Amino acid sequence: MVAIAIGSIAGWFLYDTVVELLLDPYCDYWRTVPPTSADEGVRTVLHGAVDPVLIKLKVSCSSGSSSPCRRALELWRFVVRG
């Protein structure tokens, strides 16, 4: 639980990097598609006033929980030796 909390705090500060990493394939795809008349580039759409904070919280918690899971898998592979 402590590892998830520490990872979430690190994910909060690495939010911009993680979102850029997640959006790059999407943006690359839309750069290859022929432009339309209403093409304004790639942008994220937020529908509510608290959406930016909630998205940042979700991304930081997701990145925070993925790091300890990876470590647990490495530990399990060491223990099982299968």
C-alpha atoms as a PDB file:
ATOM      1  CA  MET A   1       0.000   0.000   0.000  1.00  0.00           C
ATOM      2  CA  VAL A   2       2.880   2.336   0.790  1.00  0.00           C
ATOM      3  CA  ALA A   3       4.481   1.559  -2.562  1.00  0.00           C
ATOM      4  CA  ILE A   4       1.264   2.528  -4.358  1.00  0.00           C
ATOM      5  CA  ALA A   5       1.098   5.803  -2.432  1.00  0.00           C
ATOM      6  CA  ILE A   6       4.710   6.637  -3.228  1.00  0.00           C
ATOM      7  CA  GLY A   7       4.183   5.695  -6.870  1.00  0.00           C
ATOM      8  CA  SER A   8       1.057   7.856  -7.050  1.00  0.00           C
ATOM      9  CA  ILE A   9       2.937  10.850  -5.673  1.00  0.00           C
ATOM     10  CA  ALA A  10       5.652  10.302  -8.263  1.00  0.00           C
ATOM     11  CA  GLY A  11       2.947   9.909 -10.931  1.00  0.00           C
ATOM     12  CA  TRP A  12       1.456  13.269  -9.901  1.00  0.00           C
ATOM     13  CA  PHE A  13       4.741  14.995 -10.682  1.00  0.00           C
ATOM     14  CA  LEU A  14       5.338  12.942 -13.856  1.00  0.00           C
ATOM     15  CA  TYR A  15       1.803  13.563 -15.162  1.00  0.00           C
ATOM     16  CA  ASP A  16       2.849  15.656 -18.174  1.00  0.00           C
ATOM     17  CA  THR A  17       5.377  13.066 -19.300  1.00  0.00           C
ATOM     18  CA  VAL A  18       2.922  10.173 -18.918  1.00  0.00           C
ATOM     19  CA  VAL A  19       0.120  11.964 -20.784  1.00  0.00           C
ATOM     20  CA  GLU A  20       2.498  12.916 -23.580  1.00  0.00           C
ATOM     21  CA  LEU A  21       3.604   9.276 -23.796  1.00  0.00           C
ATOM     22  CA  LEU A  22      -0.022   8.119 -23.965  1.00  0.00           C
ATOM     23  CA  LEU A  23      -1.161  10.735 -26.505  1.00  0.00           C
ATOM     24  CA  ASP A  24       1.780  10.455 -28.924  1.00  0.00           C
ATOM     25  CA  PRO A  25       0.421   7.446 -30.879  1.00  0.00           C
ATOM     26  CA  TYR A  26      -2.987   9.119 -31.152  1.00  0.00           C
ATOM     27  CA  CYS A  27      -1.478  12.378 -32.379  1.00  0.00           C
ATOM     28  CA  ASP A  28       0.783  10.545 -34.830  1.00  0.00           C
ATOM     29  CA  TYR A  29      -2.235   8.802 -36.309  1.00  0.00           C
ATOM     30  CA  TRP A  30      -4.138  12.051 -36.836  1.00  0.00           C
ATOM     31  CA  ARG A  31      -1.113  13.607 -38.502  1.00  0.00           C
ATOM     32  CA  THR A  32      -1.232  10.884 -41.182  1.00  0.00           C
ATOM     33  CA  VAL A  33      -4.961  11.287 -41.893  1.00  0.00           C
ATOM     34  CA  PRO A  34      -5.807  13.857 -44.593  1.00  0.00           C
ATOM     35  CA  PRO A  35      -7.053  17.102 -43.018  1.00  0.00           C
ATOM     36  CA  THR A  36     -10.726  18.013 -43.075  1.00  0.00           C
ATOM     37  CA  SER A  37     -12.272  21.441 -43.300  1.00  0.00           C
ATOM     38  CA  ALA A  38     -12.863  21.561 -39.540  1.00  0.00           C
ATOM     39  CA  ASP A  39      -9.368  20.322 -38.631  1.00  0.00           C
ATOM     40  CA  GLU A  40      -7.953  22.255 -35.698  1.00  0.00           C
ATOM     41  CA  GLY A  41      -5.275  19.806 -34.673  1.00  0.00           C
ATOM     42  CA  VAL A  42      -5.284  17.325 -31.830  1.00  0.00           C
ATOM     43  CA  ARG A  43      -6.597  18.474 -28.488  1.00  0.00           C
ATOM     44  CA  THR A  44      -8.208  16.936 -25.456  1.00  0.00           C
ATOM     45  CA  VAL A  45     -11.821  17.718 -24.643  1.00  0.00           C
ATOM     46  CA  LEU A  46     -12.843  18.267 -21.048  1.00  0.00           C
ATOM     47  CA  HIS A  47     -16.563  18.362 -20.245  1.00  0.00           C
ATOM     48  CA  GLY A  48     -16.595  19.525 -16.651  1.00  0.00           C
ATOM     49  CA  ALA A  49     -14.893  21.977 -14.344  1.00  0.00           C
ATOM     50  CA  VAL A  50     -13.177  19.271 -12.310  1.00  0.00           C
ATOM     51  CA  ASP A  51     -12.210  17.008 -15.224  1.00  0.00           C
ATOM     52  CA  PRO A  52      -8.578  18.199 -15.418  1.00  0.00           C
ATOM     53  CA  VAL A  53      -8.013  17.405 -11.746  1.00  0.00           C
ATOM     54  CA  LEU A  54      -9.804  14.050 -11.944  1.00  0.00           C
ATOM     55  CA  ILE A  55      -7.855  13.019 -15.037  1.00  0.00           C
ATOM     56  CA  LYS A  56      -4.598  13.981 -13.346  1.00  0.00           C
ATOM     57  CA  LEU A  57      -5.625  12.007 -10.257  1.00  0.00           C
ATOM     58  CA  LYS A  58      -6.581   8.940 -12.325  1.00  0.00           C
ATOM     59  CA  VAL A  59      -3.368   9.005 -14.357  1.00  0.00           C
ATOM     60  CA  SER A  60      -1.193   9.446 -11.266  1.00  0.00           C
ATOM     61  CA  CYS A  61      -2.955   6.627  -9.380  1.00  0.00           C
ATOM     62  CA  SER A  62      -2.775   4.319 -12.393  1.00  0.00           C
ATOM     63  CA  SER A  63       0.919   4.953 -12.904  1.00  0.00           C
ATOM     64  CA  GLY A  64       1.468   4.635  -9.168  1.00  0.00           C
ATOM     65  CA  SER A  65      -0.212   1.250  -8.977  1.00  0.00           C
ATOM     66  CA  SER A  66       1.474  -0.161 -12.083  1.00  0.00           C
ATOM     67  CA  SER A  67       5.004   0.173 -10.709  1.00  0.00           C
ATOM     68  CA  PRO A  68       4.442  -1.931  -7.550  1.00  0.00           C
ATOM     69  CA  CYS A  69       2.581  -4.551  -9.620  1.00  0.00           C
ATOM     70  CA  ARG A  70       5.589  -4.905 -11.884  1.00  0.00           C
ATOM     71  CA  ARG A  71       7.865  -5.308  -8.864  1.00  0.00           C
ATOM     72  CA  ALA A  72       5.541  -7.923  -7.378  1.00  0.00           C
ATOM     73  CA  LEU A  73       5.621  -9.847 -10.658  1.00  0.00           C
ATOM     74  CA  GLU A  74       9.433  -9.793 -10.658  1.00  0.00           C
ATOM     75  CA  LEU A  75       9.436 -11.035  -7.066  1.00  0.00           C
ATOM     76  CA  TRP A  76       6.961 -13.787  -7.940  1.00  0.00           C
ATOM     77  CA  ARG A  77       9.113 -14.903 -10.897  1.00  0.00           C
ATOM     78  CA  PHE A  78      12.140 -15.045  -8.589  1.00  0.00           C
ATOM     79  CA  VAL A  79      10.287 -17.128  -5.998  1.00  0.00           C
ATOM     80  CA  VAL A  80       8.630 -19.548  -8.418  1.00  0.00           C
ATOM     81  CA  ARG A  81      11.559 -19.986 -10.864  1.00  0.00           C
ATOM     82  CA  GLY A  82       9.301 -21.511 -13.488  1.00  0.00           C
END
